[in-house]
Every structure is written in structure tokens, then in C-alpha cells.
Amino acid sequence: MSTKTIDTTDLRNNLSATIKGLGREDILFIKSRGKLTGKVIIDDEILEDLLLLQDTDYIKSIASAREEIKRGETYTFDEVFGDVL
């Protein structure tokens, strides 16, 4: 995992290229006038991993869902979306 920083002006002017240039494990810290803003761009899977470490209810819900899958308590794509699509 690597961390990078970018100024808000550079980010605004190069948003698409900046996002394309980020790797899956990169974390981009955003600065304004040379100071960190407390805002970051992070991959959603990395964010989920961080949430797992802090939220016991989230951890329990994931464990419960995995048990349901093992027991075959799942729905097919058609059962979930039916005629919607």
C-alpha cells in the first residue's frame, strides 16, 4: 500500500488522470494550500477492510451472511431482480 498527496487544484484539473493513475492499494490524501484536508480517495475494498476492523456489528453481519451461503440460503439473480431488468 502506498500513500500519495495531491493539491486540490491539481486534483480538480486532472481528476480523471489522477484516478486512473491510482493503484488498487493506493491512498490519495488531498491537500489545500499545502495542508492536509482530512479527505482521502481510497479503493472501496480497502475501505471495507478498514470498516471490518472497527465495526463489530459489520463483522457479525458478514459472518452471518457467509453462514447463510454455506447453508444454501441464497436467492438466484432472477428471484432478486425478476422482471425489473
N, C-alpha and C. Protein backbone atom coordinates (compact mmCIF):
# COMPACT_ATOMS: atom_id res chain seq x y z
N MET A 1 0.85 -1.16 0.00
CA MET A 1 0.00 0.00 0.00
C MET A 1 0.89 1.22 0.00
N SER A 2 0.57 2.16 -0.89
CA SER A 2 1.35 3.38 -0.90
C SER A 2 0.43 4.57 -0.70
N THR A 3 0.99 5.62 -0.16
CA THR A 3 0.22 6.84 0.03
C THR A 3 0.79 7.93 -0.86
N LYS A 4 -0.09 8.77 -1.34
CA LYS A 4 0.29 9.90 -2.18
C LYS A 4 -0.49 11.11 -1.71
N THR A 5 -0.03 12.29 -2.06
CA THR A 5 -0.76 13.51 -1.75
C THR A 5 -0.94 14.30 -3.04
N ILE A 6 -2.00 15.09 -3.07
CA ILE A 6 -2.26 15.95 -4.23
C ILE A 6 -2.96 17.21 -3.73
N ASP A 7 -2.66 18.33 -4.36
CA ASP A 7 -3.31 19.58 -4.02
C ASP A 7 -4.67 19.64 -4.71
N THR A 8 -5.62 20.31 -4.07
CA THR A 8 -6.98 20.38 -4.62
C THR A 8 -7.01 20.93 -6.04
N THR A 9 -6.18 21.92 -6.34
CA THR A 9 -6.15 22.49 -7.69
C THR A 9 -5.69 21.45 -8.70
N ASP A 10 -4.62 20.72 -8.37
CA ASP A 10 -4.13 19.67 -9.27
C ASP A 10 -5.17 18.57 -9.44
N LEU A 11 -5.84 18.22 -8.36
CA LEU A 11 -6.87 17.19 -8.43
C LEU A 11 -8.03 17.64 -9.31
N ARG A 12 -8.49 18.86 -9.13
CA ARG A 12 -9.59 19.40 -9.92
C ARG A 12 -9.22 19.43 -11.41
N ASN A 13 -8.01 19.84 -11.71
CA ASN A 13 -7.59 19.96 -13.12
C ASN A 13 -7.28 18.62 -13.77
N ASN A 14 -6.99 17.60 -12.98
CA ASN A 14 -6.57 16.31 -13.52
C ASN A 14 -7.29 15.14 -12.87
N LEU A 15 -8.57 15.28 -12.56
CA LEU A 15 -9.29 14.27 -11.80
C LEU A 15 -9.26 12.90 -12.49
N SER A 16 -9.63 12.86 -13.74
CA SER A 16 -9.70 11.58 -14.45
C SER A 16 -8.34 10.89 -14.49
N ALA A 17 -7.31 11.61 -14.88
CA ALA A 17 -5.98 11.03 -14.97
C ALA A 17 -5.46 10.61 -13.60
N THR A 18 -5.77 11.39 -12.59
CA THR A 18 -5.33 11.07 -11.23
C THR A 18 -5.95 9.77 -10.76
N ILE A 19 -7.26 9.61 -10.97
CA ILE A 19 -7.93 8.39 -10.54
C ILE A 19 -7.43 7.18 -11.33
N LYS A 20 -7.24 7.35 -12.64
CA LYS A 20 -6.73 6.25 -13.46
C LYS A 20 -5.31 5.85 -13.04
N GLY A 21 -4.55 6.80 -12.52
CA GLY A 21 -3.18 6.53 -12.12
C GLY A 21 -3.03 5.87 -10.75
N LEU A 22 -4.14 5.76 -10.03
CA LEU A 22 -4.07 5.14 -8.71
C LEU A 22 -4.16 3.63 -8.81
N GLY A 23 -3.34 2.95 -8.04
CA GLY A 23 -3.42 1.50 -7.94
C GLY A 23 -4.48 1.12 -6.92
N ARG A 24 -4.83 -0.15 -6.92
CA ARG A 24 -5.88 -0.64 -6.02
C ARG A 24 -5.55 -0.35 -4.56
N GLU A 25 -4.30 -0.42 -4.18
CA GLU A 25 -3.93 -0.25 -2.78
C GLU A 25 -3.41 1.14 -2.45
N ASP A 26 -3.51 2.07 -3.40
CA ASP A 26 -3.05 3.44 -3.16
C ASP A 26 -4.09 4.21 -2.36
N ILE A 27 -3.61 5.08 -1.50
CA ILE A 27 -4.45 6.01 -0.77
C ILE A 27 -3.97 7.41 -1.12
N LEU A 28 -4.89 8.25 -1.59
CA LEU A 28 -4.54 9.59 -2.03
C LEU A 28 -5.06 10.61 -1.02
N PHE A 29 -4.15 11.30 -0.35
CA PHE A 29 -4.50 12.35 0.60
C PHE A 29 -4.61 13.67 -0.15
N ILE A 30 -5.64 14.43 0.17
CA ILE A 30 -5.89 15.69 -0.54
C ILE A 30 -5.47 16.86 0.35
N LYS A 31 -4.68 17.77 -0.26
CA LYS A 31 -4.19 18.96 0.44
C LYS A 31 -4.85 20.20 -0.15
N SER A 32 -4.94 21.23 0.67
CA SER A 32 -5.39 22.54 0.21
C SER A 32 -4.44 23.57 0.78
N ARG A 33 -3.83 24.32 -0.09
CA ARG A 33 -2.84 25.32 0.31
C ARG A 33 -1.74 24.71 1.15
N GLY A 34 -1.33 23.51 0.78
CA GLY A 34 -0.21 22.85 1.43
C GLY A 34 -0.53 22.09 2.70
N LYS A 35 -1.78 22.14 3.15
CA LYS A 35 -2.16 21.46 4.39
C LYS A 35 -3.14 20.34 4.08
N LEU A 36 -2.99 19.23 4.79
CA LEU A 36 -3.92 18.11 4.61
C LEU A 36 -5.33 18.53 5.00
N THR A 37 -6.31 18.10 4.21
CA THR A 37 -7.70 18.49 4.45
C THR A 37 -8.46 17.47 5.29
N GLY A 38 -7.88 16.29 5.49
CA GLY A 38 -8.61 15.23 6.17
C GLY A 38 -9.45 14.42 5.20
N LYS A 39 -9.35 14.69 3.92
CA LYS A 39 -10.10 13.98 2.88
C LYS A 39 -9.13 13.07 2.12
N VAL A 40 -9.63 11.90 1.73
CA VAL A 40 -8.81 10.94 1.00
C VAL A 40 -9.63 10.28 -0.10
N ILE A 41 -8.94 9.73 -1.07
CA ILE A 41 -9.53 8.85 -2.07
C ILE A 41 -8.93 7.48 -1.82
N ILE A 42 -9.82 6.49 -1.66
CA ILE A 42 -9.37 5.15 -1.29
C ILE A 42 -10.24 4.13 -2.02
N ASP A 43 -9.67 2.99 -2.37
CA ASP A 43 -10.41 1.92 -3.01
C ASP A 43 -11.50 1.41 -2.08
N ASP A 44 -12.66 1.10 -2.63
CA ASP A 44 -13.78 0.69 -1.78
C ASP A 44 -13.51 -0.62 -1.04
N GLU A 45 -12.74 -1.51 -1.62
CA GLU A 45 -12.43 -2.77 -0.93
C GLU A 45 -11.50 -2.53 0.26
N ILE A 46 -10.58 -1.61 0.12
CA ILE A 46 -9.71 -1.26 1.24
C ILE A 46 -10.54 -0.61 2.35
N LEU A 47 -11.48 0.25 1.96
CA LEU A 47 -12.35 0.88 2.94
C LEU A 47 -13.16 -0.17 3.70
N GLU A 48 -13.69 -1.15 2.98
CA GLU A 48 -14.44 -2.22 3.64
C GLU A 48 -13.56 -2.96 4.65
N ASP A 49 -12.32 -3.21 4.27
CA ASP A 49 -11.40 -3.88 5.19
C ASP A 49 -11.19 -3.05 6.45
N LEU A 50 -11.06 -1.74 6.28
CA LEU A 50 -10.87 -0.87 7.44
C LEU A 50 -12.12 -0.84 8.31
N LEU A 51 -13.29 -0.84 7.68
CA LEU A 51 -14.54 -0.88 8.44
C LEU A 51 -14.65 -2.17 9.23
N LEU A 52 -14.21 -3.26 8.61
CA LEU A 52 -14.24 -4.55 9.30
C LEU A 52 -13.48 -4.51 10.62
N LEU A 53 -12.38 -3.80 10.61
CA LEU A 53 -11.53 -3.75 11.80
C LEU A 53 -12.16 -2.95 12.93
N GLN A 54 -13.14 -2.09 12.63
CA GLN A 54 -13.68 -1.19 13.64
C GLN A 54 -15.12 -1.47 14.03
N ASP A 55 -15.90 -2.13 13.19
CA ASP A 55 -17.33 -2.26 13.43
C ASP A 55 -17.70 -3.71 13.72
N THR A 56 -17.95 -4.03 14.97
CA THR A 56 -18.25 -5.41 15.35
C THR A 56 -19.58 -5.87 14.77
N ASP A 57 -20.55 -4.98 14.63
CA ASP A 57 -21.83 -5.37 14.02
C ASP A 57 -21.64 -5.74 12.56
N TYR A 58 -20.79 -4.99 11.88
CA TYR A 58 -20.49 -5.28 10.47
C TYR A 58 -19.82 -6.65 10.35
N ILE A 59 -18.88 -6.93 11.24
CA ILE A 59 -18.18 -8.21 11.24
C ILE A 59 -19.19 -9.34 11.45
N LYS A 60 -20.10 -9.16 12.40
CA LYS A 60 -21.12 -10.18 12.68
C LYS A 60 -22.04 -10.38 11.48
N SER A 61 -22.41 -9.30 10.79
CA SER A 61 -23.31 -9.42 9.64
C SER A 61 -22.64 -10.16 8.49
N ILE A 62 -21.35 -9.93 8.28
CA ILE A 62 -20.61 -10.65 7.24
C ILE A 62 -20.52 -12.12 7.60
N ALA A 63 -20.21 -12.43 8.85
CA ALA A 63 -20.11 -13.82 9.29
C ALA A 63 -21.46 -14.52 9.14
N SER A 64 -22.53 -13.84 9.48
CA SER A 64 -23.87 -14.40 9.35
C SER A 64 -24.20 -14.67 7.88
N ALA A 65 -23.88 -13.73 7.02
CA ALA A 65 -24.14 -13.90 5.59
C ALA A 65 -23.35 -15.09 5.03
N ARG A 66 -22.12 -15.25 5.46
CA ARG A 66 -21.31 -16.39 4.98
C ARG A 66 -21.90 -17.72 5.45
N GLU A 67 -22.44 -17.75 6.66
CA GLU A 67 -23.10 -18.96 7.15
C GLU A 67 -24.35 -19.27 6.33
N GLU A 68 -25.12 -18.24 6.00
CA GLU A 68 -26.31 -18.42 5.17
C GLU A 68 -25.94 -19.00 3.81
N ILE A 69 -24.85 -18.53 3.24
CA ILE A 69 -24.39 -19.05 1.95
C ILE A 69 -24.01 -20.52 2.07
N LYS A 70 -23.30 -20.88 3.15
CA LYS A 70 -22.91 -22.28 3.36
C LYS A 70 -24.14 -23.19 3.48
N ARG A 71 -25.21 -22.68 4.09
CA ARG A 71 -26.44 -23.46 4.26
C ARG A 71 -27.30 -23.45 3.00
N GLY A 72 -26.86 -22.71 1.99
CA GLY A 72 -27.63 -22.64 0.75
C GLY A 72 -28.81 -21.69 0.80
N GLU A 73 -28.81 -20.82 1.78
CA GLU A 73 -29.91 -19.86 1.93
C GLU A 73 -29.62 -18.62 1.08
N THR A 74 -29.72 -18.82 -0.22
CA THR A 74 -29.43 -17.74 -1.17
C THR A 74 -30.58 -17.62 -2.16
N TYR A 75 -30.57 -16.53 -2.92
CA TYR A 75 -31.55 -16.29 -3.97
C TYR A 75 -30.83 -16.24 -5.31
N THR A 76 -31.53 -16.63 -6.36
CA THR A 76 -30.97 -16.53 -7.70
C THR A 76 -31.09 -15.08 -8.17
N PHE A 77 -30.37 -14.77 -9.22
CA PHE A 77 -30.44 -13.44 -9.82
C PHE A 77 -31.88 -13.11 -10.20
N ASP A 78 -32.56 -14.07 -10.84
CA ASP A 78 -33.94 -13.85 -11.28
C ASP A 78 -34.89 -13.65 -10.10
N GLU A 79 -34.65 -14.36 -9.00
CA GLU A 79 -35.51 -14.19 -7.81
C GLU A 79 -35.35 -12.79 -7.23
N VAL A 80 -34.15 -12.25 -7.30
CA VAL A 80 -33.90 -10.93 -6.72
C VAL A 80 -34.42 -9.84 -7.63
N PHE A 81 -34.11 -9.93 -8.93
CA PHE A 81 -34.42 -8.84 -9.84
C PHE A 81 -35.70 -9.06 -10.67
N GLY A 82 -36.11 -10.32 -10.81
CA GLY A 82 -37.35 -10.63 -11.52
C GLY A 82 -37.50 -9.91 -12.83
N ASP A 83 -38.61 -9.22 -12.97
CA ASP A 83 -38.93 -8.51 -14.21
C ASP A 83 -38.38 -7.09 -14.26
N VAL A 84 -37.67 -6.69 -13.25
CA VAL A 84 -37.16 -5.32 -13.18
C VAL A 84 -36.20 -5.02 -14.33
N LEU A 85 -35.36 -5.98 -14.65
CA LEU A 85 -34.36 -5.76 -15.71
C LEU A 85 -34.81 -6.21 -17.03
